Amino acid sequence: MTAGAPSQYMLARRYPRLLLTLLYRCCRCSQSSLARSTRCVERPVWVPRRPFESARLDAELKLAGEYGLRNKREIWRISLILSKIRRAARELLKLDEKDPKRLFEGQSNGNALIRRLVRVGVLDETRLRLDYVLALKVEDFLERRLQTQVFKSGLAKSIHHARVLIRQRHIRVGKQIVNVPSFVVRLDSQKHIDFSLTSPYGGGRDGRVKRKRAKAAAAGSGDAEEEEDDE
């Protein structure tokens, strides 16, 4: 910086709007020296551009009720993931069929895009092409959520009951207790979904309310026996 030139701090004191620009500038666009101590991460959710679109609102409300979602941000998060996957598939389709990058990421025996989707269970073995990646929908990812799998496996009475069981740490995947309803279940982990060993549903200790009721019932029966003895 040349001698006599105003520093960023001096400019920020003179122009408050410039201070906001320096503080909230994204790290991808040359992060400001005033914001070096803060983390700049990518947003996990992108809100719709048109907030009051009737058709989209009805479709999102139907998905939220069918899959027991907490809010529509969960749908928007999956939509963002799906858009990134589609963008990657479109970039691969632009390449030549013999291009090394397309051969690695676009083939079924590769370790990249299609193989990851098959491992998660979004694609099956009969649709191992990039064209099918472009045809994926939000429902394909919602089907792989732990909440949906718990309900379909018969461990819960409803999709909302499945969310309650997961949040209250009654469900395990393998040996690990998972309390995140949006946990993505892989195909090899699907058969290991069961009740936790510490859960009352899995043979563990009874819950707090049930123990309290049993204690009250035992105390009531004891008082009744004492009254009979007195008579």
Protein backbone atom coordinates (compact mmCIF):
# COMPACT_ATOMS: atom_id res chain seq x y z
CA MET A 1 0.00 0.00 0.00
CA THR A 2 1.40 3.39 -0.99
CA ALA A 3 2.22 6.02 1.60
CA GLY A 4 -0.69 8.20 2.51
CA ALA A 5 -3.31 5.79 1.15
CA PRO A 6 -6.22 5.17 3.56
CA SER A 7 -6.34 1.73 5.14
CA GLN A 8 -9.38 -0.55 5.15
CA TYR A 9 -10.10 0.35 8.76
CA MET A 10 -10.07 4.07 8.05
CA LEU A 11 -12.39 3.58 5.07
CA ALA A 12 -14.68 1.39 7.12
CA ARG A 13 -15.00 4.05 9.82
CA ARG A 14 -15.84 6.64 7.21
CA TYR A 15 -18.21 4.44 5.18
CA PRO A 16 -20.20 1.97 7.33
CA ARG A 17 -21.61 0.18 4.28
CA LEU A 18 -18.07 -0.66 3.22
CA LEU A 19 -17.57 -2.26 6.63
CA LEU A 20 -20.38 -4.72 5.92
CA THR A 21 -18.82 -5.55 2.57
CA LEU A 22 -15.46 -6.23 4.19
CA LEU A 23 -16.93 -8.33 6.98
CA TYR A 24 -19.25 -10.52 4.91
CA ARG A 25 -17.21 -10.96 1.75
CA CYS A 26 -17.06 -14.60 0.74
CA CYS A 27 -13.74 -16.41 1.02
CA ARG A 28 -14.09 -17.60 -2.60
CA CYS A 29 -14.00 -13.95 -3.68
CA SER A 30 -10.75 -12.96 -1.92
CA GLN A 31 -11.67 -13.00 1.74
CA SER A 32 -11.20 -9.70 3.53
CA SER A 33 -8.54 -9.19 6.17
CA LEU A 34 -11.29 -8.20 8.60
CA ALA A 35 -12.98 -11.59 8.22
CA ARG A 36 -9.98 -13.91 8.35
CA SER A 37 -10.93 -15.25 11.75
CA THR A 38 -14.40 -16.33 10.60
CA ARG A 39 -15.27 -19.47 8.69
CA CYS A 40 -16.93 -19.15 5.33
CA VAL A 41 -18.67 -22.37 4.40
CA GLU A 42 -21.05 -23.16 1.58
CA ARG A 43 -24.72 -22.90 2.39
CA PRO A 44 -26.35 -26.34 2.72
CA VAL A 45 -29.73 -25.01 1.56
CA TRP A 46 -30.76 -22.70 -1.27
CA VAL A 47 -34.21 -21.22 -0.85
CA PRO A 48 -36.47 -21.07 -3.94
CA ARG A 49 -36.33 -17.94 -6.04
CA ARG A 50 -40.11 -17.67 -6.14
CA PRO A 51 -41.33 -18.09 -2.56
CA PHE A 52 -45.05 -18.15 -3.34
CA GLU A 53 -45.29 -20.58 -6.25
CA SER A 54 -48.54 -22.48 -5.78
CA ALA A 55 -47.60 -25.71 -7.58
CA ARG A 56 -44.27 -26.01 -5.77
CA LEU A 57 -45.84 -25.27 -2.38
CA ASP A 58 -48.42 -28.04 -2.87
CA ALA A 59 -45.77 -30.53 -3.99
CA GLU A 60 -43.50 -29.71 -1.03
CA LEU A 61 -46.37 -30.00 1.43
CA LYS A 62 -47.25 -33.42 0.04
CA LEU A 63 -43.64 -34.62 0.35
CA ALA A 64 -43.35 -33.27 3.90
CA GLY A 65 -46.46 -35.17 4.96
CA GLU A 66 -45.60 -38.39 3.12
CA TYR A 67 -42.05 -38.67 4.47
CA GLY A 68 -42.63 -37.04 7.88
CA LEU A 69 -40.25 -34.13 7.34
CA ARG A 70 -39.82 -31.47 9.98
CA ASN A 71 -39.84 -28.53 7.56
CA LYS A 72 -39.31 -27.74 3.91
CA ARG A 73 -35.63 -26.97 4.41
CA GLU A 74 -35.01 -30.71 4.34
CA ILE A 75 -36.54 -30.84 0.86
CA TRP A 76 -34.48 -27.85 -0.26
CA ARG A 77 -31.28 -29.45 1.03
CA ILE A 78 -31.91 -32.61 -0.97
CA SER A 79 -32.81 -30.50 -4.01
CA LEU A 80 -29.44 -28.78 -3.76
CA ILE A 81 -27.62 -32.12 -3.55
CA LEU A 82 -29.61 -33.42 -6.52
CA SER A 83 -28.80 -30.33 -8.59
CA LYS A 84 -25.07 -30.83 -7.95
CA ILE A 85 -25.29 -34.48 -9.00
CA ARG A 86 -27.16 -33.57 -12.17
CA ARG A 87 -24.63 -30.86 -12.97
CA ALA A 88 -21.80 -33.37 -12.62
CA ALA A 89 -23.65 -35.83 -14.87
CA ARG A 90 -24.22 -33.16 -17.52
CA GLU A 91 -20.55 -32.23 -17.50
CA LEU A 92 -19.63 -35.88 -18.02
CA LEU A 93 -22.10 -36.26 -20.88
CA LYS A 94 -20.43 -33.36 -22.66
CA LEU A 95 -17.16 -35.26 -22.77
CA ASP A 96 -16.23 -37.86 -25.36
CA GLU A 97 -17.18 -41.44 -24.55
CA LYS A 98 -13.51 -42.44 -24.52
CA ASP A 99 -12.45 -39.56 -22.31
CA PRO A 100 -10.55 -40.86 -19.22
CA LYS A 101 -12.58 -38.74 -16.83
CA ARG A 102 -15.88 -39.99 -18.23
CA LEU A 103 -14.65 -43.58 -18.26
CA PHE A 104 -13.72 -43.29 -14.59
CA GLU A 105 -16.75 -41.45 -13.24
CA GLY A 106 -19.42 -42.54 -15.69
CA GLN A 107 -18.90 -46.30 -15.75
CA SER A 108 -20.43 -48.79 -13.36
CA ASN A 109 -17.04 -50.20 -12.38
CA GLY A 110 -15.64 -46.81 -11.43
CA ASN A 111 -15.35 -45.41 -7.93
CA ALA A 112 -17.05 -42.11 -8.57
CA LEU A 113 -20.51 -40.83 -9.44
CA ILE A 114 -22.55 -43.89 -10.48
CA ARG A 115 -20.87 -46.26 -8.05
CA ARG A 116 -21.60 -43.95 -5.12
CA LEU A 117 -25.24 -43.63 -6.14
CA VAL A 118 -25.55 -47.42 -6.41
CA ARG A 119 -23.93 -47.88 -3.00
CA VAL A 120 -26.41 -45.49 -1.42
CA GLY A 121 -29.31 -47.22 -3.14
CA VAL A 122 -30.52 -44.33 -5.28
CA LEU A 123 -29.68 -46.22 -8.49
CA ASP A 124 -30.16 -49.94 -8.98
CA GLU A 125 -28.03 -52.35 -10.96
CA THR A 126 -30.24 -52.06 -14.05
CA ARG A 127 -29.74 -48.30 -14.47
CA LEU A 128 -25.98 -47.87 -14.60
CA ARG A 129 -25.90 -44.99 -17.09
CA LEU A 130 -25.54 -41.24 -16.82
CA ASP A 131 -28.90 -40.75 -18.51
CA TYR A 132 -30.61 -42.29 -15.50
CA VAL A 133 -28.72 -39.93 -13.19
CA LEU A 134 -30.41 -36.99 -14.90
CA ALA A 135 -33.80 -38.65 -14.29
CA LEU A 136 -33.35 -38.85 -10.50
CA LYS A 137 -35.96 -37.16 -8.33
CA VAL A 138 -36.10 -35.89 -4.77
CA GLU A 139 -38.24 -38.88 -3.80
CA ASP A 140 -35.38 -41.25 -4.66
CA PHE A 141 -33.23 -39.66 -1.96
CA LEU A 142 -36.07 -39.37 0.55
CA GLU A 143 -36.59 -43.13 0.26
CA ARG A 144 -33.06 -43.73 1.54
CA ARG A 145 -33.51 -41.73 4.74
CA LEU A 146 -33.29 -43.65 8.00
CA GLN A 147 -36.74 -42.42 8.99
CA THR A 148 -38.29 -43.93 5.87
CA GLN A 149 -36.39 -47.20 6.22
CA VAL A 150 -37.41 -47.62 9.87
CA PHE A 151 -41.07 -47.21 8.93
CA LYS A 152 -40.87 -49.57 5.95
CA SER A 153 -39.06 -52.23 7.97
CA GLY A 154 -42.00 -52.39 10.38
CA LEU A 155 -40.22 -51.03 13.46
CA ALA A 156 -42.55 -48.02 13.69
CA LYS A 157 -46.32 -47.63 13.47
CA SER A 158 -46.13 -44.55 11.23
CA ILE A 159 -43.59 -42.34 9.51
CA HIS A 160 -43.91 -39.81 12.35
CA HIS A 161 -43.48 -42.53 14.97
CA ALA A 162 -40.27 -43.51 13.19
CA ARG A 163 -38.90 -39.99 13.63
CA VAL A 164 -39.73 -40.07 17.35
CA LEU A 165 -37.96 -43.42 17.80
CA ILE A 166 -34.85 -42.14 16.04
CA ARG A 167 -34.70 -38.88 17.98
CA GLN A 168 -35.14 -40.72 21.29
CA ARG A 169 -32.17 -43.01 20.47
CA HIS A 170 -34.14 -46.24 20.11
CA ILE A 171 -32.70 -47.11 16.67
CA ARG A 172 -29.27 -48.41 15.79
CA VAL A 173 -27.57 -49.14 12.48
CA GLY A 174 -25.22 -51.99 13.13
CA LYS A 175 -23.64 -51.28 16.52
CA GLN A 176 -24.00 -47.51 16.31
CA ILE A 177 -27.01 -45.64 17.70
CA VAL A 178 -28.19 -43.06 15.14
CA ASN A 179 -30.45 -40.21 16.23
CA VAL A 180 -30.50 -38.33 12.91
CA PRO A 181 -33.67 -38.98 10.87
CA SER A 182 -32.02 -37.73 7.66
CA PHE A 183 -29.21 -40.30 7.91
CA VAL A 184 -28.69 -41.86 4.48
CA VAL A 185 -28.79 -45.65 4.71
CA ARG A 186 -26.53 -47.61 2.38
CA LEU A 187 -27.58 -50.88 0.85
CA ASP A 188 -25.15 -52.93 2.93
CA SER A 189 -26.37 -51.23 6.14
CA GLN A 190 -30.08 -51.60 5.47
CA LYS A 191 -30.30 -55.09 6.96
CA HIS A 192 -28.60 -53.94 10.17
CA ILE A 193 -31.34 -51.47 11.20
CA ASP A 194 -32.82 -52.59 14.52
CA PHE A 195 -33.74 -51.41 17.99
CA SER A 196 -30.91 -50.38 20.28
CA LEU A 197 -29.82 -52.86 22.93
CA THR A 198 -30.37 -50.24 25.63
CA SER A 199 -33.86 -49.42 24.38
CA PRO A 200 -36.97 -50.88 26.07
CA TYR A 201 -38.08 -52.05 22.62
CA GLY A 202 -34.83 -53.99 22.24
CA GLY A 203 -34.86 -55.79 25.59
CA GLY A 204 -33.29 -53.00 27.63
CA ARG A 205 -34.40 -51.33 30.81
CA ASP A 206 -37.92 -49.93 30.98
CA GLY A 207 -38.44 -46.24 30.42
CA ARG A 208 -38.82 -43.61 33.13
CA VAL A 209 -42.62 -43.37 32.89
CA LYS A 210 -43.11 -47.13 32.89
CA ARG A 211 -40.84 -47.57 35.92
CA LYS A 212 -42.71 -44.82 37.74
CA ARG A 213 -46.07 -46.44 37.04
CA ALA A 214 -44.81 -49.86 38.08
CA LYS A 215 -43.50 -48.40 41.33
CA ALA A 216 -46.81 -46.66 42.02
CA ALA A 217 -48.73 -49.87 41.26
CA ALA A 218 -46.50 -51.85 43.60
CA ALA A 219 -46.96 -49.27 46.35
CA GLY A 220 -50.74 -49.33 45.86
CA SER A 221 -50.91 -53.11 46.08
CA GLY A 222 -48.78 -53.02 49.22
CA ASP A 223 -51.12 -50.57 50.92
CA ALA A 224 -54.12 -52.71 49.98
CA GLU A 225 -52.50 -55.78 51.57
CA GLU A 226 -51.81 -53.85 54.78
CA GLU A 227 -55.46 -52.75 54.99
CA GLU A 228 -56.61 -56.35 54.57
CA ASP A 229 -54.27 -57.48 57.36
CA ASP A 230 -55.61 -54.77 59.70
CA GLU A 231 -59.17 -55.93 59.09
